[in-house]
């Protein structure tokens, strides 16, 4: 994956959450690709590492690598492992090395290709999904007419492990002639690093989930409209049921719902300050007295609620849309969160 996507997500964390998980994932992606070179004693693992790295390594018959050795080369870190002699001891020593590697190169002897011991051990220590290449060494001393059969055997027997390639190599000639070793085409960033990036993204999303997503000014206007309409509907039902029989009572009841409406809007705005919203006129206010002077009875009560409710709704909408200083700040917060979520989605999509 491109590191730029991860860097963009880190930038978008500013002010919203801790970017440490993403920074750790970015650091891991920047590390050289790690390849564990594994195989039986004396099959040419150290020779292969020398050919890859261009660095002189002790080589010889009978196995020369007695402990794990790390060889740095361009864009790659090679883990030269001790040759497999005892399967049980190898299982203990190699399991962790292979688990921490990005890929595995298993060197098998062309004279004794992909033995039962190798197959059993490989099935135990290879991590599912970890890239595997099988290098068949010593093909220079296998009769030429037998080489295809050797490669077919290794390919067939290793098929359950899904190696990316089975490659015949004359390691001594490659090293002597300076031709290097076969090039690997590693999957970038590789399963181990993909898992690390996914976990980092999950942790950042969890931080976001702990903080309620801010509502946009448009959403606040929608909440205001819904709450006011619910209040109007409730008073109208009270009039229809006979519980409210006079316009004065209707206006008073509508005013009684104002605090609930304002609190609902304030909750939706949190942690940002809510707009300074109006309340409906009460019967004692000039606007309320003017309205009551023209209305009477149950029909008047219904008209009073509809008329004053419509005015209350429209005035509040105008405040939210045109007279709310905090609207721009809230819009920026909504946009910042959306950018972070979009960048996290892009990171995962590119894995």
C-alpha atoms as a PDB file:
ATOM      1  CA  UNK A   1       0.000   0.000   0.000  1.00  0.00           C
ATOM      2  CA  UNK A   2       1.031   3.605  -0.446  1.00  0.00           C
ATOM      3  CA  UNK A   3       2.280   5.093   2.805  1.00  0.00           C
ATOM      4  CA  UNK A   4       0.683   8.413   1.814  1.00  0.00           C
ATOM      5  CA  UNK A   5      -2.786   7.122   2.693  1.00  0.00           C
ATOM      6  CA  UNK A   6      -1.664   6.196   6.173  1.00  0.00           C
ATOM      7  CA  UNK A   7       0.077   9.546   6.602  1.00  0.00           C
ATOM      8  CA  UNK A   8      -3.129  11.322   5.563  1.00  0.00           C
ATOM      9  CA  UNK A   9      -5.079   9.402   8.206  1.00  0.00           C
ATOM     10  CA  UNK A  10      -2.494  10.407  10.801  1.00  0.00           C
ATOM     11  CA  UNK A  11      -2.874  14.081   9.848  1.00  0.00           C
ATOM     12  CA  UNK A  12      -6.655  13.837  10.062  1.00  0.00           C
ATOM     13  CA  UNK A  13      -6.418  12.483  13.627  1.00  0.00           C
ATOM     14  CA  UNK A  14      -5.402  15.936  14.861  1.00  0.00           C
ATOM     15  CA  UNK A  15      -7.849  17.173  17.468  1.00  0.00           C
ATOM     16  CA  UNK A  16      -9.973  14.033  17.211  1.00  0.00           C
ATOM     17  CA  UNK A  17      -8.016  11.056  18.532  1.00  0.00           C
ATOM     18  CA  UNK A  18      -4.590   9.665  19.389  1.00  0.00           C
ATOM     19  CA  UNK A  19      -2.692   8.759  16.180  1.00  0.00           C
ATOM     20  CA  UNK A  20      -0.210   6.500  18.015  1.00  0.00           C
ATOM     21  CA  UNK A  21      -1.615   3.214  16.596  1.00  0.00           C
ATOM     22  CA  UNK A  22      -1.322   4.550  13.045  1.00  0.00           C
ATOM     23  CA  UNK A  23       2.176   5.898  13.707  1.00  0.00           C
ATOM     24  CA  UNK A  24       3.209   2.436  14.901  1.00  0.00           C
ATOM     25  CA  UNK A  25       1.763   0.849  11.774  1.00  0.00           C
ATOM     26  CA  UNK A  26       3.579   3.375   9.569  1.00  0.00           C
ATOM     27  CA  UNK A  27       6.836   2.593  11.336  1.00  0.00           C
ATOM     28  CA  UNK A  28       6.299  -1.135  10.761  1.00  0.00           C
ATOM     29  CA  UNK A  29       5.589  -0.585   7.064  1.00  0.00           C
ATOM     30  CA  UNK A  30       8.856   1.321   6.737  1.00  0.00           C
ATOM     31  CA  UNK A  31      10.905  -1.600   8.052  1.00  0.00           C
ATOM     32  CA  UNK A  32      12.764  -3.805   5.545  1.00  0.00           C
ATOM     33  CA  UNK A  33      10.847  -6.824   4.338  1.00  0.00           C
ATOM     34  CA  UNK A  34      11.851  -9.791   6.526  1.00  0.00           C
ATOM     35  CA  UNK A  35      12.444 -13.226   4.978  1.00  0.00           C
ATOM     36  CA  UNK A  36      13.189 -16.362   6.999  1.00  0.00           C
ATOM     37  CA  UNK A  37      15.434 -18.776   5.087  1.00  0.00           C
ATOM     38  CA  UNK A  38      14.640 -22.275   6.315  1.00  0.00           C
ATOM     39  CA  UNK A  39      15.739 -25.798   5.407  1.00  0.00           C
ATOM     40  CA  UNK A  40      17.570 -28.937   6.401  1.00  0.00           C
ATOM     41  CA  UNK A  41      21.225 -28.989   7.358  1.00  0.00           C
ATOM     42  CA  UNK A  42      23.600 -28.429   4.434  1.00  0.00           C
ATOM     43  CA  UNK A  43      21.045 -27.594   1.717  1.00  0.00           C
ATOM     44  CA  UNK A  44      22.599 -24.192   0.931  1.00  0.00           C
ATOM     45  CA  UNK A  45      20.711 -21.672   3.067  1.00  0.00           C
ATOM     46  CA  UNK A  46      23.797 -19.610   3.866  1.00  0.00           C
ATOM     47  CA  UNK A  47      24.894 -19.807   0.220  1.00  0.00           C
ATOM     48  CA  UNK A  48      21.494 -18.437  -0.800  1.00  0.00           C
ATOM     49  CA  UNK A  49      21.781 -15.627   1.748  1.00  0.00           C
ATOM     50  CA  UNK A  50      25.252 -14.769   0.414  1.00  0.00           C
ATOM     51  CA  UNK A  51      23.947 -14.691  -3.145  1.00  0.00           C
ATOM     52  CA  UNK A  52      21.098 -12.415  -2.143  1.00  0.00           C
ATOM     53  CA  UNK A  53      23.048 -10.037   0.027  1.00  0.00           C
ATOM     54  CA  UNK A  54      26.330  -9.980  -1.856  1.00  0.00           C
ATOM     55  CA  UNK A  55      28.024 -10.379   1.514  1.00  0.00           C
ATOM     56  CA  UNK A  56      30.466 -13.222   2.194  1.00  0.00           C
ATOM     57  CA  UNK A  57      29.016 -15.893   4.450  1.00  0.00           C
ATOM     58  CA  UNK A  58      30.570 -19.049   5.933  1.00  0.00           C
ATOM     59  CA  UNK A  59      29.552 -21.915   3.683  1.00  0.00           C
ATOM     60  CA  UNK A  60      30.420 -25.592   3.603  1.00  0.00           C
ATOM     61  CA  UNK A  61      29.120 -29.093   3.996  1.00  0.00           C
ATOM     62  CA  UNK A  62      27.388 -30.307   7.114  1.00  0.00           C
ATOM     63  CA  UNK A  63      25.807 -27.013   8.131  1.00  0.00           C
ATOM     64  CA  UNK A  64      27.644 -23.885   9.242  1.00  0.00           C
ATOM     65  CA  UNK A  65      24.857 -21.769  10.784  1.00  0.00           C
ATOM     66  CA  UNK A  66      24.448 -22.713  14.443  1.00  0.00           C
ATOM     67  CA  UNK A  67      22.211 -19.835  15.553  1.00  0.00           C
ATOM     68  CA  UNK A  68      19.837 -17.363  13.941  1.00  0.00           C
ATOM     69  CA  UNK A  69      21.773 -14.715  12.013  1.00  0.00           C
ATOM     70  CA  UNK A  70      20.304 -11.531  10.547  1.00  0.00           C
ATOM     71  CA  UNK A  71      21.746 -10.199   7.306  1.00  0.00           C
ATOM     72  CA  UNK A  72      20.662  -6.772   6.090  1.00  0.00           C
ATOM     73  CA  UNK A  73      20.450  -6.225   2.355  1.00  0.00           C
ATOM     74  CA  UNK A  74      18.794  -3.676   0.110  1.00  0.00           C
ATOM     75  CA  UNK A  75      15.116  -3.528   1.034  1.00  0.00           C
ATOM     76  CA  UNK A  76      15.245  -6.882   2.778  1.00  0.00           C
ATOM     77  CA  UNK A  77      16.269  -8.422   6.084  1.00  0.00           C
ATOM     78  CA  UNK A  78      17.323 -12.047   5.703  1.00  0.00           C
ATOM     79  CA  UNK A  79      17.020 -14.421   8.633  1.00  0.00           C
ATOM     80  CA  UNK A  80      19.564 -17.210   8.154  1.00  0.00           C
ATOM     81  CA  UNK A  81      18.292 -20.006  10.381  1.00  0.00           C
ATOM     82  CA  UNK A  82      20.133 -23.069  11.712  1.00  0.00           C
ATOM     83  CA  UNK A  83      19.670 -26.166   9.588  1.00  0.00           C
ATOM     84  CA  UNK A  84      16.913 -28.562  10.542  1.00  0.00           C
ATOM     85  CA  UNK A  85      18.432 -31.693  12.030  1.00  0.00           C
ATOM     86  CA  UNK A  86      16.033 -32.700  14.790  1.00  0.00           C
ATOM     87  CA  UNK A  87      12.386 -31.966  13.910  1.00  0.00           C
ATOM     88  CA  UNK A  88      11.253 -31.379  17.517  1.00  0.00           C
ATOM     89  CA  UNK A  89      14.099 -28.976  18.250  1.00  0.00           C
ATOM     90  CA  UNK A  90      13.516 -27.206  14.942  1.00  0.00           C
ATOM     91  CA  UNK A  91       9.850 -26.760  15.739  1.00  0.00           C
ATOM     92  CA  UNK A  92      10.706 -24.929  18.967  1.00  0.00           C
ATOM     93  CA  UNK A  93      13.342 -22.742  17.340  1.00  0.00           C
ATOM     94  CA  UNK A  94      11.674 -21.901  14.049  1.00  0.00           C
ATOM     95  CA  UNK A  95       8.064 -21.380  15.034  1.00  0.00           C
ATOM     96  CA  UNK A  96       8.597 -17.897  16.477  1.00  0.00           C
ATOM     97  CA  UNK A  97      11.072 -16.868  13.748  1.00  0.00           C
ATOM     98  CA  UNK A  98       8.596 -17.770  11.010  1.00  0.00           C
ATOM     99  CA  UNK A  99       5.702 -16.120  12.857  1.00  0.00           C
ATOM    100  CA  UNK A 100       7.578 -12.800  12.928  1.00  0.00           C
ATOM    101  CA  UNK A 101       8.728 -12.949   9.295  1.00  0.00           C
ATOM    102  CA  UNK A 102       6.959 -11.391   6.314  1.00  0.00           C
ATOM    103  CA  UNK A 103       7.767 -14.358   4.118  1.00  0.00           C
ATOM    104  CA  UNK A 104       9.559 -17.716   4.132  1.00  0.00           C
ATOM    105  CA  UNK A 105      12.018 -19.223   1.679  1.00  0.00           C
ATOM    106  CA  UNK A 106      12.293 -22.955   2.235  1.00  0.00           C
ATOM    107  CA  UNK A 107      15.426 -24.455   0.704  1.00  0.00           C
ATOM    108  CA  UNK A 108      15.058 -28.136  -0.127  1.00  0.00           C
ATOM    109  CA  UNK A 109      17.721 -30.465  -1.502  1.00  0.00           C
ATOM    110  CA  UNK A 110      17.184 -31.491  -5.124  1.00  0.00           C
ATOM    111  CA  UNK A 111      18.699 -34.895  -4.316  1.00  0.00           C
ATOM    112  CA  UNK A 112      16.178 -35.473  -1.517  1.00  0.00           C
ATOM    113  CA  UNK A 113      13.359 -33.096  -2.402  1.00  0.00           C
ATOM    114  CA  UNK A 114      10.599 -32.148   0.014  1.00  0.00           C
ATOM    115  CA  UNK A 115      10.874 -35.076   2.381  1.00  0.00           C
ATOM    116  CA  UNK A 116       8.127 -36.262   4.722  1.00  0.00           C
ATOM    117  CA  UNK A 117       9.912 -34.580   7.622  1.00  0.00           C
ATOM    118  CA  UNK A 118       9.988 -31.272   5.754  1.00  0.00           C
ATOM    119  CA  UNK A 119       6.328 -31.573   4.841  1.00  0.00           C
ATOM    120  CA  UNK A 120       5.274 -32.318   8.404  1.00  0.00           C
ATOM    121  CA  UNK A 121       7.383 -29.541   9.866  1.00  0.00           C
ATOM    122  CA  UNK A 122       6.275 -27.016   7.266  1.00  0.00           C
ATOM    123  CA  UNK A 123       2.612 -27.737   7.959  1.00  0.00           C
ATOM    124  CA  UNK A 124       3.226 -27.050  11.659  1.00  0.00           C
ATOM    125  CA  UNK A 125       5.326 -23.886  11.558  1.00  0.00           C
ATOM    126  CA  UNK A 126       4.148 -22.005   8.465  1.00  0.00           C
ATOM    127  CA  UNK A 127       1.598 -19.338   9.307  1.00  0.00           C
ATOM    128  CA  UNK A 128      -1.480 -19.505   7.043  1.00  0.00           C
ATOM    129  CA  UNK A 129      -1.335 -16.757   4.453  1.00  0.00           C
ATOM    130  CA  UNK A 130       2.378 -16.083   4.971  1.00  0.00           C
ATOM    131  CA  UNK A 131       4.109 -15.952   1.548  1.00  0.00           C
ATOM    132  CA  UNK A 132       6.215 -19.053   0.855  1.00  0.00           C
ATOM    133  CA  UNK A 133       8.783 -19.757  -1.834  1.00  0.00           C
ATOM    134  CA  UNK A 134      10.481 -23.136  -2.213  1.00  0.00           C
ATOM    135  CA  UNK A 135      14.011 -23.104  -3.578  1.00  0.00           C
ATOM    136  CA  UNK A 136      15.247 -26.456  -4.900  1.00  0.00           C
ATOM    137  CA  UNK A 137      19.013 -26.418  -4.466  1.00  0.00           C
ATOM    138  CA  UNK A 138      21.811 -28.610  -5.838  1.00  0.00           C
ATOM    139  CA  UNK A 139      20.034 -29.055  -9.154  1.00  0.00           C
ATOM    140  CA  UNK A 140      23.491 -28.829 -10.731  1.00  0.00           C
ATOM    141  CA  UNK A 141      24.226 -32.366  -9.521  1.00  0.00           C
ATOM    142  CA  UNK A 142      20.807 -33.783 -10.358  1.00  0.00           C
ATOM    143  CA  UNK A 143      20.838 -35.539 -13.755  1.00  0.00           C
ATOM    144  CA  UNK A 144      19.345 -33.020 -16.185  1.00  0.00           C
ATOM    145  CA  UNK A 145      16.652 -35.413 -17.388  1.00  0.00           C
ATOM    146  CA  UNK A 146      15.479 -35.881 -13.784  1.00  0.00           C
ATOM    147  CA  UNK A 147      15.150 -32.169 -12.899  1.00  0.00           C
ATOM    148  CA  UNK A 148      11.560 -31.838 -14.258  1.00  0.00           C
ATOM    149  CA  UNK A 149      10.452 -34.816 -12.165  1.00  0.00           C
ATOM    150  CA  UNK A 150      12.090 -33.323  -9.054  1.00  0.00           C
ATOM    151  CA  UNK A 151      10.299 -30.007  -9.573  1.00  0.00           C
ATOM    152  CA  UNK A 152       7.011 -31.790 -10.246  1.00  0.00           C
ATOM    153  CA  UNK A 153       7.376 -33.753  -7.008  1.00  0.00           C
ATOM    154  CA  UNK A 154       8.033 -30.632  -4.948  1.00  0.00           C
ATOM    155  CA  UNK A 155       5.204 -28.732  -6.654  1.00  0.00           C
ATOM    156  CA  UNK A 156       2.711 -31.541  -6.091  1.00  0.00           C
ATOM    157  CA  UNK A 157       3.639 -32.303  -2.490  1.00  0.00           C
ATOM    158  CA  UNK A 158       3.788 -28.642  -1.454  1.00  0.00           C
ATOM    159  CA  UNK A 159       0.483 -27.690  -3.082  1.00  0.00           C
ATOM    160  CA  UNK A 160      -1.464 -27.657   0.258  1.00  0.00           C
ATOM    161  CA  UNK A 161       0.873 -24.853   1.428  1.00  0.00           C
ATOM    162  CA  UNK A 162       0.235 -22.807  -1.727  1.00  0.00           C
ATOM    163  CA  UNK A 163       3.811 -21.649  -2.378  1.00  0.00           C
ATOM    164  CA  UNK A 164       4.156 -18.649  -4.652  1.00  0.00           C
ATOM    165  CA  UNK A 165       6.816 -20.436  -6.670  1.00  0.00           C
ATOM    166  CA  UNK A 166       9.026 -23.518  -6.763  1.00  0.00           C
ATOM    167  CA  UNK A 167      12.411 -22.367  -8.065  1.00  0.00           C
ATOM    168  CA  UNK A 168      15.381 -24.564  -9.097  1.00  0.00           C
ATOM    169  CA  UNK A 169      18.709 -22.904  -8.288  1.00  0.00           C
ATOM    170  CA  UNK A 170      22.355 -23.791  -8.842  1.00  0.00           C
ATOM    171  CA  UNK A 171      23.496 -21.782  -5.815  1.00  0.00           C
ATOM    172  CA  UNK A 172      27.220 -22.445  -6.140  1.00  0.00           C
ATOM    173  CA  UNK A 173      27.319 -21.210  -9.734  1.00  0.00           C
ATOM    174  CA  UNK A 174      25.149 -18.231  -8.850  1.00  0.00           C
ATOM    175  CA  UNK A 175      27.492 -17.250  -6.040  1.00  0.00           C
ATOM    176  CA  UNK A 176      30.674 -17.978  -8.009  1.00  0.00           C
ATOM    177  CA  UNK A 177      29.533 -16.038 -11.071  1.00  0.00           C
ATOM    178  CA  UNK A 178      27.973 -13.195  -9.114  1.00  0.00           C
ATOM    179  CA  UNK A 179      24.551 -13.735 -10.639  1.00  0.00           C
ATOM    180  CA  UNK A 180      22.737 -13.381  -7.321  1.00  0.00           C
ATOM    181  CA  UNK A 181      19.684 -15.362  -6.316  1.00  0.00           C
ATOM    182  CA  UNK A 182      16.169 -15.493  -7.764  1.00  0.00           C
ATOM    183  CA  UNK A 183      14.210 -12.312  -7.192  1.00  0.00           C
ATOM    184  CA  UNK A 184      11.218 -12.493  -4.909  1.00  0.00           C
ATOM    185  CA  UNK A 185       8.128 -10.453  -5.623  1.00  0.00           C
ATOM    186  CA  UNK A 186       6.836  -9.941  -2.099  1.00  0.00           C
ATOM    187  CA  UNK A 187       3.262  -8.856  -1.494  1.00  0.00           C
ATOM    188  CA  UNK A 188       3.388  -5.367  -0.046  1.00  0.00           C
ATOM    189  CA  UNK A 189       2.751  -4.782   2.787  1.00  0.00           C
ATOM    190  CA  UNK A 190       2.400  -8.530   3.416  1.00  0.00           C
ATOM    191  CA  UNK A 191       0.006 -10.431   5.723  1.00  0.00           C
ATOM    192  CA  UNK A 192       1.786  -9.625   8.983  1.00  0.00           C
ATOM    193  CA  UNK A 193       1.844  -5.909   8.245  1.00  0.00           C
ATOM    194  CA  UNK A 194      -1.674  -5.925   6.847  1.00  0.00           C
ATOM    195  CA  UNK A 195      -2.851  -7.336  10.181  1.00  0.00           C
ATOM    196  CA  UNK A 196      -0.953  -4.604  12.049  1.00  0.00           C
ATOM    197  CA  UNK A 197      -2.460  -1.832   9.908  1.00  0.00           C
ATOM    198  CA  UNK A 198      -5.979  -3.269  10.290  1.00  0.00           C
ATOM    199  CA  UNK A 199      -5.547  -3.372  14.053  1.00  0.00           C
ATOM    200  CA  UNK A 200      -4.287   0.221  14.106  1.00  0.00           C
ATOM    201  CA  UNK A 201      -7.314   1.358  12.085  1.00  0.00           C
ATOM    202  CA  UNK A 202      -9.602  -0.591  14.431  1.00  0.00           C
ATOM    203  CA  UNK A 203      -8.115   1.163  17.462  1.00  0.00           C
ATOM    204  CA  UNK A 204      -8.594   4.612  15.931  1.00  0.00           C
ATOM    205  CA  UNK A 205     -12.184   3.783  14.968  1.00  0.00           C
ATOM    206  CA  UNK A 206     -12.787   2.641  18.552  1.00  0.00           C
ATOM    207  CA  UNK A 207     -11.566   6.026  19.791  1.00  0.00           C
ATOM    208  CA  UNK A 208     -13.986   7.755  17.423  1.00  0.00           C
ATOM    209  CA  UNK A 209     -16.845   5.557  18.601  1.00  0.00           C
ATOM    210  CA  UNK A 210     -16.225   6.691  22.177  1.00  0.00           C
ATOM    211  CA  UNK A 211     -16.952  10.271  21.112  1.00  0.00           C
ATOM    212  CA  UNK A 212     -20.449  10.924  19.738  1.00  0.00           C
ATOM    213  CA  UNK A 213     -20.321  12.109  16.164  1.00  0.00           C
ATOM    214  CA  UNK A 214     -21.244  15.810  15.976  1.00  0.00           C
ATOM    215  CA  UNK A 215     -24.417  16.697  14.081  1.00  0.00           C
ATOM    216  CA  UNK A 216     -24.132  19.085  11.159  1.00  0.00           C
ATOM    217  CA  UNK A 217     -26.031  22.413  11.201  1.00  0.00           C
ATOM    218  CA  UNK A 218     -28.461  20.854   8.708  1.00  0.00           C
ATOM    219  CA  UNK A 219     -29.034  17.925  11.066  1.00  0.00           C
ATOM    220  CA  UNK A 220     -29.553  20.343  13.980  1.00  0.00           C
ATOM    221  CA  UNK A 221     -32.178  22.164  11.919  1.00  0.00           C
ATOM    222  CA  UNK A 222     -33.872  18.836  11.262  1.00  0.00           C
ATOM    223  CA  UNK A 223     -33.862  17.936  14.956  1.00  0.00           C
ATOM    224  CA  UNK A 224     -35.310  21.348  15.814  1.00  0.00           C
ATOM    225  CA  UNK A 225     -38.105  20.939  13.263  1.00  0.00           C
ATOM    226  CA  UNK A 226     -38.946  17.421  14.442  1.00  0.00           C
ATOM    227  CA  UNK A 227     -39.040  18.414  18.118  1.00  0.00           C
ATOM    228  CA  UNK A 228     -41.201  21.499  17.512  1.00  0.00           C
ATOM    229  CA  UNK A 229     -43.624  19.554  15.316  1.00  0.00           C
ATOM    230  CA  UNK A 230     -43.876  16.839  17.978  1.00  0.00           C
ATOM    231  CA  UNK A 231     -44.722  19.504  20.574  1.00  0.00           C
ATOM    232  CA  UNK A 232     -47.384  21.047  18.322  1.00  0.00           C
ATOM    233  CA  UNK A 233     -48.890  17.632  17.589  1.00  0.00           C
ATOM    234  CA  UNK A 234     -49.032  16.781  21.286  1.00  0.00           C
ATOM    235  CA  UNK A 235     -50.945  19.990  22.130  1.00  0.00           C
ATOM    236  CA  UNK A 236     -53.310  19.428  19.195  1.00  0.00           C
ATOM    237  CA  UNK A 237     -54.113  15.972  20.496  1.00  0.00           C
ATOM    238  CA  UNK A 238     -54.800  17.487  23.916  1.00  0.00           C
ATOM    239  CA  UNK A 239     -57.269  19.873  22.288  1.00  0.00           C
ATOM    240  CA  UNK A 240     -58.984  17.061  20.371  1.00  0.00           C
ATOM    241  CA  UNK A 241     -59.277  14.933  23.507  1.00  0.00           C
ATOM    242  CA  UNK A 242     -60.838  17.780  25.478  1.00  0.00           C
ATOM    243  CA  UNK A 243     -57.960  18.057  27.915  1.00  0.00           C
ATOM    244  CA  UNK A 244     -57.269  21.565  26.547  1.00  0.00           C
ATOM    245  CA  UNK A 245     -60.357  23.669  25.867  1.00  0.00           C
ATOM    246  CA  UNK A 246     -59.182  27.260  25.494  1.00  0.00           C
ATOM    247  CA  UNK A 247     -56.524  29.106  23.443  1.00  0.00           C
ATOM    248  CA  UNK A 248     -54.927  30.389  26.658  1.00  0.00           C
ATOM    249  CA  UNK A 249     -54.353  26.819  27.835  1.00  0.00           C
ATOM    250  CA  UNK A 250     -53.079  25.815  24.406  1.00  0.00           C
ATOM    251  CA  UNK A 251     -50.418  28.550  24.320  1.00  0.00           C
ATOM    252  CA  UNK A 252     -49.414  27.790  27.901  1.00  0.00           C
ATOM    253  CA  UNK A 253     -49.065  24.091  27.091  1.00  0.00           C
ATOM    254  CA  UNK A 254     -46.961  24.856  24.024  1.00  0.00           C
ATOM    255  CA  UNK A 255     -44.700  27.065  26.120  1.00  0.00           C
ATOM    256  CA  UNK A 256     -44.412  24.247  28.645  1.00  0.00           C
ATOM    257  CA  UNK A 257     -42.829  22.030  25.999  1.00  0.00           C
ATOM    258  CA  UNK A 258     -40.216  24.608  25.013  1.00  0.00           C
ATOM    259  CA  UNK A 259     -37.591  23.522  27.555  1.00  0.00           C
ATOM    260  CA  UNK A 260     -37.698  19.906  26.359  1.00  0.00           C
ATOM    261  CA  UNK A 261     -37.251  21.045  22.768  1.00  0.00           C
ATOM    262  CA  UNK A 262     -34.290  23.283  23.644  1.00  0.00           C
ATOM    263  CA  UNK A 263     -32.643  20.504  25.673  1.00  0.00           C
ATOM    264  CA  UNK A 264     -32.985  18.029  22.792  1.00  0.00           C
ATOM    265  CA  UNK A 265     -31.245  20.473  20.457  1.00  0.00           C
ATOM    266  CA  UNK A 266     -28.524  21.185  23.043  1.00  0.00           C
ATOM    267  CA  UNK A 267     -27.811  17.448  23.382  1.00  0.00           C
ATOM    268  CA  UNK A 268     -27.462  17.145  19.617  1.00  0.00           C
ATOM    269  CA  UNK A 269     -25.000  20.079  19.552  1.00  0.00           C
ATOM    270  CA  UNK A 270     -22.809  18.823  22.415  1.00  0.00           C
ATOM    271  CA  UNK A 271     -19.976  19.455  23.061  1.00  0.00           C
ATOM    272  CA  UNK A 272     -20.491  22.641  21.027  1.00  0.00           C
ATOM    273  CA  UNK A 273     -22.671  25.498  22.351  1.00  0.00           C
ATOM    274  CA  UNK A 274     -26.230  25.326  20.980  1.00  0.00           C
ATOM    275  CA  UNK A 275     -27.850  28.204  19.073  1.00  0.00           C
ATOM    276  CA  UNK A 276     -29.819  30.818  21.018  1.00  0.00           C
ATOM    277  CA  UNK A 277     -33.259  29.534  20.027  1.00  0.00           C
ATOM    278  CA  UNK A 278     -36.629  31.240  20.686  1.00  0.00           C
ATOM    279  CA  UNK A 279     -39.531  30.037  22.762  1.00  0.00           C
ATOM    280  CA  UNK A 280     -43.209  30.262  21.775  1.00  0.00           C
ATOM    281  CA  UNK A 281     -45.125  33.317  22.918  1.00  0.00           C
ATOM    282  CA  UNK A 282     -47.006  32.932  26.222  1.00  0.00           C
ATOM    283  CA  UNK A 283     -50.582  34.181  26.756  1.00  0.00           C
ATOM    284  CA  UNK A 284     -49.246  37.111  28.817  1.00  0.00           C
ATOM    285  CA  UNK A 285     -46.891  38.411  26.112  1.00  0.00           C
ATOM    286  CA  UNK A 286     -48.094  41.036  23.573  1.00  0.00           C
ATOM    287  CA  UNK A 287     -47.928  38.554  20.688  1.00  0.00           C
ATOM    288  CA  UNK A 288     -49.860  35.991  22.692  1.00  0.00           C
ATOM    289  CA  UNK A 289     -52.529  38.521  23.774  1.00  0.00           C
ATOM    290  CA  UNK A 290     -52.902  39.672  20.183  1.00  0.00           C
ATOM    291  CA  UNK A 291     -53.438  36.103  19.050  1.00  0.00           C
ATOM    292  CA  UNK A 292     -55.911  35.323  21.833  1.00  0.00           C
ATOM    293  CA  UNK A 293     -57.973  38.413  21.049  1.00  0.00           C
ATOM    294  CA  UNK A 294     -58.966  36.871  17.729  1.00  0.00           C
ATOM    295  CA  UNK A 295     -59.582  33.307  18.913  1.00  0.00           C
ATOM    296  CA  UNK A 296     -61.911  31.491  21.291  1.00  0.00           C
ATOM    297  CA  UNK A 297     -63.080  27.975  22.143  1.00  0.00           C
ATOM    298  CA  UNK A 298     -61.688  24.645  20.985  1.00  0.00           C
ATOM    299  CA  UNK A 299     -61.368  25.733  17.376  1.00  0.00           C
ATOM    300  CA  UNK A 300     -59.508  28.809  18.575  1.00  0.00           C
ATOM    301  CA  UNK A 301     -57.197  26.649  20.685  1.00  0.00           C
ATOM    302  CA  UNK A 302     -56.285  24.577  17.633  1.00  0.00           C
ATOM    303  CA  UNK A 303     -55.689  27.717  15.563  1.00  0.00           C
ATOM    304  CA  UNK A 304     -53.558  29.212  18.333  1.00  0.00           C
ATOM    305  CA  UNK A 305     -51.298  26.162  18.483  1.00  0.00           C
ATOM    306  CA  UNK A 306     -50.907  25.950  14.709  1.00  0.00           C
ATOM    307  CA  UNK A 307     -50.275  29.671  14.258  1.00  0.00           C
ATOM    308  CA  UNK A 308     -47.852  30.161  17.115  1.00  0.00           C
ATOM    309  CA  UNK A 309     -46.183  26.790  16.469  1.00  0.00           C
ATOM    310  CA  UNK A 310     -45.513  27.724  12.843  1.00  0.00           C
ATOM    311  CA  UNK A 311     -44.027  31.065  13.884  1.00  0.00           C
ATOM    312  CA  UNK A 312     -41.884  29.388  16.550  1.00  0.00           C
ATOM    313  CA  UNK A 313     -40.641  26.770  14.089  1.00  0.00           C
ATOM    314  CA  UNK A 314     -39.752  29.273  11.359  1.00  0.00           C
ATOM    315  CA  UNK A 315     -38.010  31.695  13.722  1.00  0.00           C
ATOM    316  CA  UNK A 316     -35.861  28.884  15.140  1.00  0.00           C
ATOM    317  CA  UNK A 317     -34.918  27.655  11.670  1.00  0.00           C
ATOM    318  CA  UNK A 318     -33.805  31.167  10.717  1.00  0.00           C
ATOM    319  CA  UNK A 319     -31.643  31.364  13.847  1.00  0.00           C
ATOM    320  CA  UNK A 320     -29.969  28.023  13.078  1.00  0.00           C
ATOM    321  CA  UNK A 321     -29.353  28.788   9.411  1.00  0.00           C
ATOM    322  CA  UNK A 322     -28.459  32.481   9.535  1.00  0.00           C
ATOM    323  CA  UNK A 323     -27.912  33.665  13.091  1.00  0.00           C
ATOM    324  CA  UNK A 324     -25.833  30.958  14.796  1.00  0.00           C
ATOM    325  CA  UNK A 325     -22.156  31.926  15.265  1.00  0.00           C
ATOM    326  CA  UNK A 326     -21.222  28.358  16.203  1.00  0.00           C
ATOM    327  CA  UNK A 327     -22.572  26.817  13.011  1.00  0.00           C
ATOM    328  CA  UNK A 328     -19.283  27.188  11.142  1.00  0.00           C
ATOM    329  CA  UNK A 329     -17.290  25.595  13.970  1.00  0.00           C
ATOM    330  CA  UNK A 330     -19.706  22.679  14.107  1.00  0.00           C
ATOM    331  CA  UNK A 331     -19.558  22.244  10.326  1.00  0.00           C
ATOM    332  CA  UNK A 332     -15.751  22.140  10.496  1.00  0.00           C
ATOM    333  CA  UNK A 333     -15.891  19.473  13.208  1.00  0.00           C
ATOM    334  CA  UNK A 334     -18.275  17.361  11.136  1.00  0.00           C
ATOM    335  CA  UNK A 335     -16.033  17.741   8.090  1.00  0.00           C
ATOM    336  CA  UNK A 336     -12.883  16.852  10.069  1.00  0.00           C
ATOM    337  CA  UNK A 337     -14.452  13.651  11.358  1.00  0.00           C
ATOM    338  CA  UNK A 338     -15.694  12.755   7.877  1.00  0.00           C
ATOM    339  CA  UNK A 339     -12.193  13.258   6.434  1.00  0.00           C
ATOM    340  CA  UNK A 340     -10.687  10.975   9.076  1.00  0.00           C
ATOM    341  CA  UNK A 341     -13.285   8.261   8.504  1.00  0.00           C
ATOM    342  CA  UNK A 342     -12.790   8.511   4.734  1.00  0.00           C
ATOM    343  CA  UNK A 343      -9.012   8.262   5.097  1.00  0.00           C
ATOM    344  CA  UNK A 344      -9.335   5.183   7.361  1.00  0.00           C
ATOM    345  CA  UNK A 345     -11.658   3.608   4.792  1.00  0.00           C
ATOM    346  CA  UNK A 346      -9.098   4.334   2.075  1.00  0.00           C
ATOM    347  CA  UNK A 347      -6.276   2.756   4.101  1.00  0.00           C
ATOM    348  CA  UNK A 348      -8.245  -0.479   4.523  1.00  0.00           C
ATOM    349  CA  UNK A 349      -9.378  -0.491   0.883  1.00  0.00           C
ATOM    350  CA  UNK A 350      -5.740  -0.358  -0.255  1.00  0.00           C
ATOM    351  CA  UNK A 351      -4.519  -3.233   1.904  1.00  0.00           C
END
